[in-house]
Amino acid sequence: MNKKQVDAVYSENFSSSSISSYSMSFLKRSFDIIFSLLVAPIVLVILFFIILFYPFFGGFTVFFSHKRVGLNGKDFNLHKIRTYKKPKFSHLSVIDKDELEIVPVMGNFLRLSRIDELPQILNILKGEMSWIGPRPEQSRLVEDIVKKNPKYHLRHKIRPGITGLAQINNPDATFKEFEEKLNFDFEYISKSSLLLDFKIFLVSLRIIFQNFVK
C-alpha cells in the first residue's frame, strides 16, 4: 500500500471520536492566550515599523481582513498584512496567486518571514484561532471541497491555527491539494498535544529561517 492509499484510509476512518482531548482543552487555550500576551509587545513594535515604512513600498491600506471558516464551521474575519499590490486588492477575496502581484521587496519579506500573519494574534485572543491547528480556508472554497469530501467539515471541530502539521510538511501546498492537507489536519487533530504543538512551532521557525538563507 503506497502513501496515497494509506492517507486515503486514514481520512476515511477519521471521525469525531478520533479527536484528541487536548485539541479543545483548557491547557491549549491557556497557552494560546499566555503566549499571545507575552509576544504582543514585540509584535506591536514590529507592526509599528511596518505601518511606518510599508506605504513607501505598497501604498496605504496596510492591513486587510477576509472571511475564513473557523470553529464549528462559522465564518470569521482573518486579519493579515497586505502583501499584494493595491491595484489588484479586490482579488484578495479569491487569493488566486496567478492573478496577484506581490509588493516588491516588502511583500516578499513579509511573506517569507510570515510577519504578514502576525495580526492573527487578535484572532487568537478573540478565541477564533489557535497558534497551532488546521489552517483556515476560504468559505467559498470550503463549500466546493465538502462536496468532494464530506468529512472535510470535521477539521472545523477545533480552532484553526496560524500554522499546522500540513504547513510544515508542505509549506507551498495550495487549496487544490486539499486532500493532502486534510490528512495532515486529521493526523494533528487525533494526535495533538502540547509537545506536538511545540514541535510544529519550532519546525515552522526553522522553515522561516531556511527561506531566508536559500
C-alpha atoms as a PDB file:
ATOM      1  CA  MET A   1       0.000   0.000   0.000  1.00  0.00           C
ATOM      2  CA  ASN A   2       1.535   3.330  -1.075  1.00  0.00           C
ATOM      3  CA  LYS A   3       1.418   6.608   0.877  1.00  0.00           C
ATOM      4  CA  LYS A   4      -1.579   7.941  -1.058  1.00  0.00           C
ATOM      5  CA  GLN A   5      -3.560   4.787  -0.256  1.00  0.00           C
ATOM      6  CA  VAL A   6      -2.580   4.961   3.412  1.00  0.00           C
ATOM      7  CA  ASP A   7      -3.661   8.610   3.529  1.00  0.00           C
ATOM      8  CA  ALA A   8      -6.986   7.732   1.921  1.00  0.00           C
ATOM      9  CA  VAL A   9      -7.642   5.064   4.559  1.00  0.00           C
ATOM     10  CA  TYR A  10      -6.689   7.480   7.347  1.00  0.00           C
ATOM     11  CA  SER A  11      -9.107  10.083   6.030  1.00  0.00           C
ATOM     12  CA  GLU A  12     -11.875   7.523   5.543  1.00  0.00           C
ATOM     13  CA  ASN A  13     -11.613   6.217   9.127  1.00  0.00           C
ATOM     14  CA  PHE A  14     -11.461   9.609  10.821  1.00  0.00           C
ATOM     15  CA  SER A  15     -14.497  10.585  12.896  1.00  0.00           C
ATOM     16  CA  SER A  16     -15.483  12.879  15.762  1.00  0.00           C
ATOM     17  CA  SER A  17     -14.382  10.199  18.223  1.00  0.00           C
ATOM     18  CA  SER A  18     -10.843  10.451  16.801  1.00  0.00           C
ATOM     19  CA  ILE A  19     -10.369  13.990  18.124  1.00  0.00           C
ATOM     20  CA  SER A  20      -7.724  14.360  20.837  1.00  0.00           C
ATOM     21  CA  SER A  21      -8.995  15.740  24.140  1.00  0.00           C
ATOM     22  CA  TYR A  22      -6.127  18.262  24.080  1.00  0.00           C
ATOM     23  CA  SER A  23      -7.416  19.860  20.850  1.00  0.00           C
ATOM     24  CA  MET A  24     -10.067  21.890  22.666  1.00  0.00           C
ATOM     25  CA  SER A  25      -8.639  21.701  26.175  1.00  0.00           C
ATOM     26  CA  PHE A  26      -8.204  24.463  28.747  1.00  0.00           C
ATOM     27  CA  LEU A  27      -4.446  23.836  28.590  1.00  0.00           C
ATOM     28  CA  LYS A  28      -4.231  24.571  24.858  1.00  0.00           C
ATOM     29  CA  ARG A  29      -6.407  27.667  25.144  1.00  0.00           C
ATOM     30  CA  SER A  30      -4.392  28.904  28.139  1.00  0.00           C
ATOM     31  CA  PHE A  31      -1.144  28.516  26.213  1.00  0.00           C
ATOM     32  CA  ASP A  32      -2.600  30.439  23.261  1.00  0.00           C
ATOM     33  CA  ILE A  33      -3.627  33.363  25.457  1.00  0.00           C
ATOM     34  CA  ILE A  34      -0.498  33.486  27.632  1.00  0.00           C
ATOM     35  CA  PHE A  35       1.910  33.186  24.703  1.00  0.00           C
ATOM     36  CA  SER A  36      -0.024  35.801  22.708  1.00  0.00           C
ATOM     37  CA  LEU A  37       0.138  38.260  25.596  1.00  0.00           C
ATOM     38  CA  LEU A  38       3.861  37.606  26.082  1.00  0.00           C
ATOM     39  CA  VAL A  39       4.762  38.290  22.444  1.00  0.00           C
ATOM     40  CA  ALA A  40       2.219  41.108  21.980  1.00  0.00           C
ATOM     41  CA  PRO A  41       4.674  43.930  22.905  1.00  0.00           C
ATOM     42  CA  ILE A  42       7.206  42.654  20.348  1.00  0.00           C
ATOM     43  CA  VAL A  43       4.504  42.251  17.727  1.00  0.00           C
ATOM     44  CA  LEU A  44       3.246  45.788  18.324  1.00  0.00           C
ATOM     45  CA  VAL A  45       6.760  47.182  17.801  1.00  0.00           C
ATOM     46  CA  ILE A  46       7.127  45.210  14.560  1.00  0.00           C
ATOM     47  CA  LEU A  47       3.727  46.366  13.323  1.00  0.00           C
ATOM     48  CA  PHE A  48       4.578  49.977  14.198  1.00  0.00           C
ATOM     49  CA  PHE A  49       7.620  49.919  11.911  1.00  0.00           C
ATOM     50  CA  ILE A  50       5.657  48.156   9.167  1.00  0.00           C
ATOM     51  CA  ILE A  51       2.957  50.835   9.305  1.00  0.00           C
ATOM     52  CA  LEU A  52       5.719  53.453   9.200  1.00  0.00           C
ATOM     53  CA  PHE A  53       7.602  52.095   6.171  1.00  0.00           C
ATOM     54  CA  TYR A  54       5.066  49.998   4.258  1.00  0.00           C
ATOM     55  CA  PRO A  55       3.412  52.949   2.417  1.00  0.00           C
ATOM     56  CA  PHE A  56       6.743  53.670   0.678  1.00  0.00           C
ATOM     57  CA  PHE A  57       6.624  50.196  -0.912  1.00  0.00           C
ATOM     58  CA  GLY A  58       2.952  49.365  -1.319  1.00  0.00           C
ATOM     59  CA  GLY A  59       0.922  52.447  -0.539  1.00  0.00           C
ATOM     60  CA  PHE A  60      -1.686  52.662   2.171  1.00  0.00           C
ATOM     61  CA  THR A  61      -4.205  50.046   3.299  1.00  0.00           C
ATOM     62  CA  VAL A  62      -1.590  48.093   5.198  1.00  0.00           C
ATOM     63  CA  PHE A  63      -3.981  45.609   6.778  1.00  0.00           C
ATOM     64  CA  PHE A  64      -6.941  43.693   5.415  1.00  0.00           C
ATOM     65  CA  SER A  65      -9.414  41.078   6.622  1.00  0.00           C
ATOM     66  CA  HIS A  66     -11.344  38.412   4.807  1.00  0.00           C
ATOM     67  CA  LYS A  67     -13.719  35.584   5.620  1.00  0.00           C
ATOM     68  CA  ARG A  68     -12.412  32.185   6.632  1.00  0.00           C
ATOM     69  CA  VAL A  69     -14.181  29.148   8.057  1.00  0.00           C
ATOM     70  CA  GLY A  70     -13.389  28.532  11.719  1.00  0.00           C
ATOM     71  CA  LEU A  71     -14.588  26.581  14.724  1.00  0.00           C
ATOM     72  CA  ASN A  72     -17.849  24.681  14.158  1.00  0.00           C
ATOM     73  CA  GLY A  73     -17.915  25.864  10.553  1.00  0.00           C
ATOM     74  CA  LYS A  74     -18.592  29.505  11.456  1.00  0.00           C
ATOM     75  CA  ASP A  75     -17.121  32.300   9.348  1.00  0.00           C
ATOM     76  CA  PHE A  76     -14.778  34.825  10.930  1.00  0.00           C
ATOM     77  CA  ASN A  77     -12.632  37.713   9.722  1.00  0.00           C
ATOM     78  CA  LEU A  78      -8.987  36.641   9.457  1.00  0.00           C
ATOM     79  CA  HIS A  79      -6.564  39.579   9.772  1.00  0.00           C
ATOM     80  CA  LYS A  80      -3.406  39.928   7.676  1.00  0.00           C
ATOM     81  CA  ILE A  81      -0.920  42.465   6.380  1.00  0.00           C
ATOM     82  CA  ARG A  82      -1.387  43.160   2.685  1.00  0.00           C
ATOM     83  CA  THR A  83       1.458  41.686   0.632  1.00  0.00           C
ATOM     84  CA  TYR A  84      -0.121  42.111  -2.800  1.00  0.00           C
ATOM     85  CA  LYS A  85      -0.182  45.218  -4.962  1.00  0.00           C
ATOM     86  CA  LYS A  86      -3.112  47.527  -4.299  1.00  0.00           C
ATOM     87  CA  PRO A  87      -4.461  47.698  -7.920  1.00  0.00           C
ATOM     88  CA  LYS A  88      -5.455  44.037  -7.579  1.00  0.00           C
ATOM     89  CA  PHE A  89      -6.510  44.286  -3.973  1.00  0.00           C
ATOM     90  CA  SER A  90     -10.051  43.211  -4.859  1.00  0.00           C
ATOM     91  CA  HIS A  91      -8.723  39.810  -5.921  1.00  0.00           C
ATOM     92  CA  LEU A  92      -7.654  39.106  -2.349  1.00  0.00           C
ATOM     93  CA  SER A  93     -11.099  37.675  -1.752  1.00  0.00           C
ATOM     94  CA  VAL A  94     -10.156  34.933  -4.204  1.00  0.00           C
ATOM     95  CA  ILE A  95      -6.475  34.540  -3.292  1.00  0.00           C
ATOM     96  CA  ASP A  96      -5.506  33.161  -6.678  1.00  0.00           C
ATOM     97  CA  LYS A  97      -1.740  33.511  -6.822  1.00  0.00           C
ATOM     98  CA  ASP A  98      -1.821  33.511 -10.613  1.00  0.00           C
ATOM     99  CA  GLU A  99      -3.803  36.775 -10.568  1.00  0.00           C
ATOM    100  CA  LEU A 100      -1.827  38.577  -7.860  1.00  0.00           C
ATOM    101  CA  GLU A 101       1.409  40.530  -7.837  1.00  0.00           C
ATOM    102  CA  ILE A 102       3.419  40.709  -4.648  1.00  0.00           C
ATOM    103  CA  VAL A 103       4.537  44.127  -3.433  1.00  0.00           C
ATOM    104  CA  PRO A 104       8.263  44.259  -4.370  1.00  0.00           C
ATOM    105  CA  VAL A 105      10.785  43.850  -1.545  1.00  0.00           C
ATOM    106  CA  MET A 106       8.392  44.453   1.341  1.00  0.00           C
ATOM    107  CA  GLY A 107       5.781  41.945   0.182  1.00  0.00           C
ATOM    108  CA  ASN A 108       8.356  39.199  -0.306  1.00  0.00           C
ATOM    109  CA  PHE A 109       9.925  39.923   3.067  1.00  0.00           C
ATOM    110  CA  LEU A 110       6.583  39.815   4.872  1.00  0.00           C
ATOM    111  CA  ARG A 111       5.598  36.529   3.239  1.00  0.00           C
ATOM    112  CA  LEU A 112       8.940  34.774   3.735  1.00  0.00           C
ATOM    113  CA  SER A 113       9.112  35.865   7.372  1.00  0.00           C
ATOM    114  CA  ARG A 114       5.395  35.136   7.943  1.00  0.00           C
ATOM    115  CA  ILE A 115       5.159  38.555   9.570  1.00  0.00           C
ATOM    116  CA  ASP A 116       2.066  39.131   7.436  1.00  0.00           C
ATOM    117  CA  GLU A 117       0.311  36.598   9.689  1.00  0.00           C
ATOM    118  CA  LEU A 118       1.054  38.440  12.972  1.00  0.00           C
ATOM    119  CA  PRO A 119      -2.264  40.371  13.066  1.00  0.00           C
ATOM    120  CA  GLN A 120      -3.905  36.988  13.633  1.00  0.00           C
ATOM    121  CA  ILE A 121      -2.833  37.257  17.268  1.00  0.00           C
ATOM    122  CA  LEU A 122      -6.038  39.308  17.540  1.00  0.00           C
ATOM    123  CA  ASN A 123      -7.962  36.307  16.177  1.00  0.00           C
ATOM    124  CA  ILE A 124      -6.286  34.107  18.788  1.00  0.00           C
ATOM    125  CA  LEU A 125      -7.157  36.416  21.677  1.00  0.00           C
ATOM    126  CA  LYS A 126     -10.761  36.564  20.442  1.00  0.00           C
ATOM    127  CA  GLY A 127     -10.932  32.764  20.551  1.00  0.00           C
ATOM    128  CA  GLU A 128     -11.298  32.381  16.790  1.00  0.00           C
ATOM    129  CA  MET A 129      -7.884  30.791  16.221  1.00  0.00           C
ATOM    130  CA  SER A 130      -5.024  28.984  17.907  1.00  0.00           C
ATOM    131  CA  TRP A 131      -1.268  29.207  17.277  1.00  0.00           C
ATOM    132  CA  ILE A 132      -1.277  25.598  16.065  1.00  0.00           C
ATOM    133  CA  GLY A 133      -4.093  23.911  14.169  1.00  0.00           C
ATOM    134  CA  PRO A 134      -5.595  23.312  10.727  1.00  0.00           C
ATOM    135  CA  ARG A 135      -5.081  26.383   8.553  1.00  0.00           C
ATOM    136  CA  PRO A 136      -8.490  28.079   7.980  1.00  0.00           C
ATOM    137  CA  GLU A 137      -9.707  28.095   4.400  1.00  0.00           C
ATOM    138  CA  GLN A 138     -11.966  30.476   2.496  1.00  0.00           C
ATOM    139  CA  SER A 139     -15.712  29.927   2.749  1.00  0.00           C
ATOM    140  CA  ARG A 140     -16.204  29.687  -0.995  1.00  0.00           C
ATOM    141  CA  LEU A 141     -13.516  27.040  -1.321  1.00  0.00           C
ATOM    142  CA  VAL A 142     -14.775  25.033   1.660  1.00  0.00           C
ATOM    143  CA  GLU A 143     -18.199  24.656   0.071  1.00  0.00           C
ATOM    144  CA  ASP A 144     -16.607  23.120  -3.024  1.00  0.00           C
ATOM    145  CA  ILE A 145     -14.273  20.882  -1.002  1.00  0.00           C
ATOM    146  CA  VAL A 146     -17.049  19.491   1.219  1.00  0.00           C
ATOM    147  CA  LYS A 147     -18.897  18.386  -1.921  1.00  0.00           C
ATOM    148  CA  LYS A 148     -15.828  16.334  -2.864  1.00  0.00           C
ATOM    149  CA  ASN A 149     -15.079  15.084   0.650  1.00  0.00           C
ATOM    150  CA  PRO A 150     -17.970  15.379   3.166  1.00  0.00           C
ATOM    151  CA  LYS A 151     -15.593  14.606   6.048  1.00  0.00           C
ATOM    152  CA  TYR A 152     -13.783  17.880   5.458  1.00  0.00           C
ATOM    153  CA  HIS A 153     -16.109  19.605   7.945  1.00  0.00           C
ATOM    154  CA  LEU A 154     -14.563  17.526  10.770  1.00  0.00           C
ATOM    155  CA  ARG A 155     -11.443  19.702  10.676  1.00  0.00           C
ATOM    156  CA  HIS A 156     -13.668  22.518  11.959  1.00  0.00           C
ATOM    157  CA  LYS A 157     -14.270  20.675  15.235  1.00  0.00           C
ATOM    158  CA  ILE A 158     -11.256  22.517  16.663  1.00  0.00           C
ATOM    159  CA  ARG A 159      -9.946  26.074  16.315  1.00  0.00           C
ATOM    160  CA  PRO A 160      -7.921  26.717  13.163  1.00  0.00           C
ATOM    161  CA  GLY A 161      -4.269  27.716  13.545  1.00  0.00           C
ATOM    162  CA  ILE A 162      -1.673  30.092  12.166  1.00  0.00           C
ATOM    163  CA  THR A 163       0.486  27.078  11.339  1.00  0.00           C
ATOM    164  CA  GLY A 164      -0.003  23.341  11.495  1.00  0.00           C
ATOM    165  CA  LEU A 165       1.181  19.895  10.528  1.00  0.00           C
ATOM    166  CA  ALA A 166       0.147  20.412   6.909  1.00  0.00           C
ATOM    167  CA  GLN A 167       2.108  23.675   6.636  1.00  0.00           C
ATOM    168  CA  ILE A 168       5.396  22.242   7.936  1.00  0.00           C
ATOM    169  CA  ASN A 169       5.157  19.181   5.676  1.00  0.00           C
ATOM    170  CA  ASN A 170       4.269  21.089   2.512  1.00  0.00           C
ATOM    171  CA  PRO A 171       4.569  24.875   3.017  1.00  0.00           C
ATOM    172  CA  ASP A 172       3.751  25.601  -0.636  1.00  0.00           C
ATOM    173  CA  ALA A 173       0.611  23.469  -0.888  1.00  0.00           C
ATOM    174  CA  THR A 174      -2.412  25.168  -2.470  1.00  0.00           C
ATOM    175  CA  PHE A 175      -6.113  24.678  -1.773  1.00  0.00           C
ATOM    176  CA  LYS A 176      -6.173  22.328  -4.787  1.00  0.00           C
ATOM    177  CA  GLU A 177      -4.115  19.896  -2.706  1.00  0.00           C
ATOM    178  CA  PHE A 178      -6.781  19.829  -0.013  1.00  0.00           C
ATOM    179  CA  GLU A 179      -6.742  16.028   0.313  1.00  0.00           C
ATOM    180  CA  GLU A 180      -3.077  16.022   1.322  1.00  0.00           C
ATOM    181  CA  LYS A 181      -3.600  18.890   3.752  1.00  0.00           C
ATOM    182  CA  LEU A 182      -6.738  17.260   5.118  1.00  0.00           C
ATOM    183  CA  ASN A 183      -4.867  14.078   6.010  1.00  0.00           C
ATOM    184  CA  PHE A 184      -2.250  16.074   7.902  1.00  0.00           C
ATOM    185  CA  ASP A 185      -5.047  18.011   9.636  1.00  0.00           C
ATOM    186  CA  PHE A 186      -6.766  14.784  10.709  1.00  0.00           C
ATOM    187  CA  GLU A 187      -3.444  13.409  11.944  1.00  0.00           C
ATOM    188  CA  TYR A 188      -2.888  16.534  14.017  1.00  0.00           C
ATOM    189  CA  ILE A 189      -6.406  16.598  15.428  1.00  0.00           C
ATOM    190  CA  SER A 190      -6.168  12.984  16.563  1.00  0.00           C
ATOM    191  CA  LYS A 191      -2.609  13.210  17.974  1.00  0.00           C
ATOM    192  CA  SER A 192      -2.457  16.809  19.183  1.00  0.00           C
ATOM    193  CA  SER A 193      -0.620  17.521  22.415  1.00  0.00           C
ATOM    194  CA  LEU A 194       1.353  20.349  23.983  1.00  0.00           C
ATOM    195  CA  LEU A 195       4.585  18.609  22.938  1.00  0.00           C
ATOM    196  CA  LEU A 196       3.410  18.256  19.340  1.00  0.00           C
ATOM    197  CA  ASP A 197       2.446  21.944  19.294  1.00  0.00           C
ATOM    198  CA  PHE A 198       5.951  22.895  20.426  1.00  0.00           C
ATOM    199  CA  LYS A 199       7.489  20.689  17.732  1.00  0.00           C
ATOM    200  CA  ILE A 200       5.310  22.200  14.992  1.00  0.00           C
ATOM    201  CA  PHE A 201       6.116  25.717  16.219  1.00  0.00           C
ATOM    202  CA  LEU A 202       9.879  25.055  16.204  1.00  0.00           C
ATOM    203  CA  VAL A 203       9.789  23.453  12.748  1.00  0.00           C
ATOM    204  CA  SER A 204       7.782  26.430  11.475  1.00  0.00           C
ATOM    205  CA  LEU A 205      10.511  28.772  12.744  1.00  0.00           C
ATOM    206  CA  ARG A 206      13.154  26.612  11.065  1.00  0.00           C
ATOM    207  CA  ILE A 207      11.311  26.772   7.741  1.00  0.00           C
ATOM    208  CA  ILE A 208      11.118  30.564   8.002  1.00  0.00           C
ATOM    209  CA  PHE A 209      14.866  30.725   8.664  1.00  0.00           C
ATOM    210  CA  GLN A 210      15.593  28.396   5.712  1.00  0.00           C
ATOM    211  CA  ASN A 211      13.545  30.639   3.414  1.00  0.00           C
ATOM    212  CA  PHE A 212      15.943  33.487   4.120  1.00  0.00           C
ATOM    213  CA  VAL A 213      19.172  31.522   3.668  1.00  0.00           C
ATOM    214  CA  LYS A 214      18.195  29.940   0.344  1.00  0.00           C
END
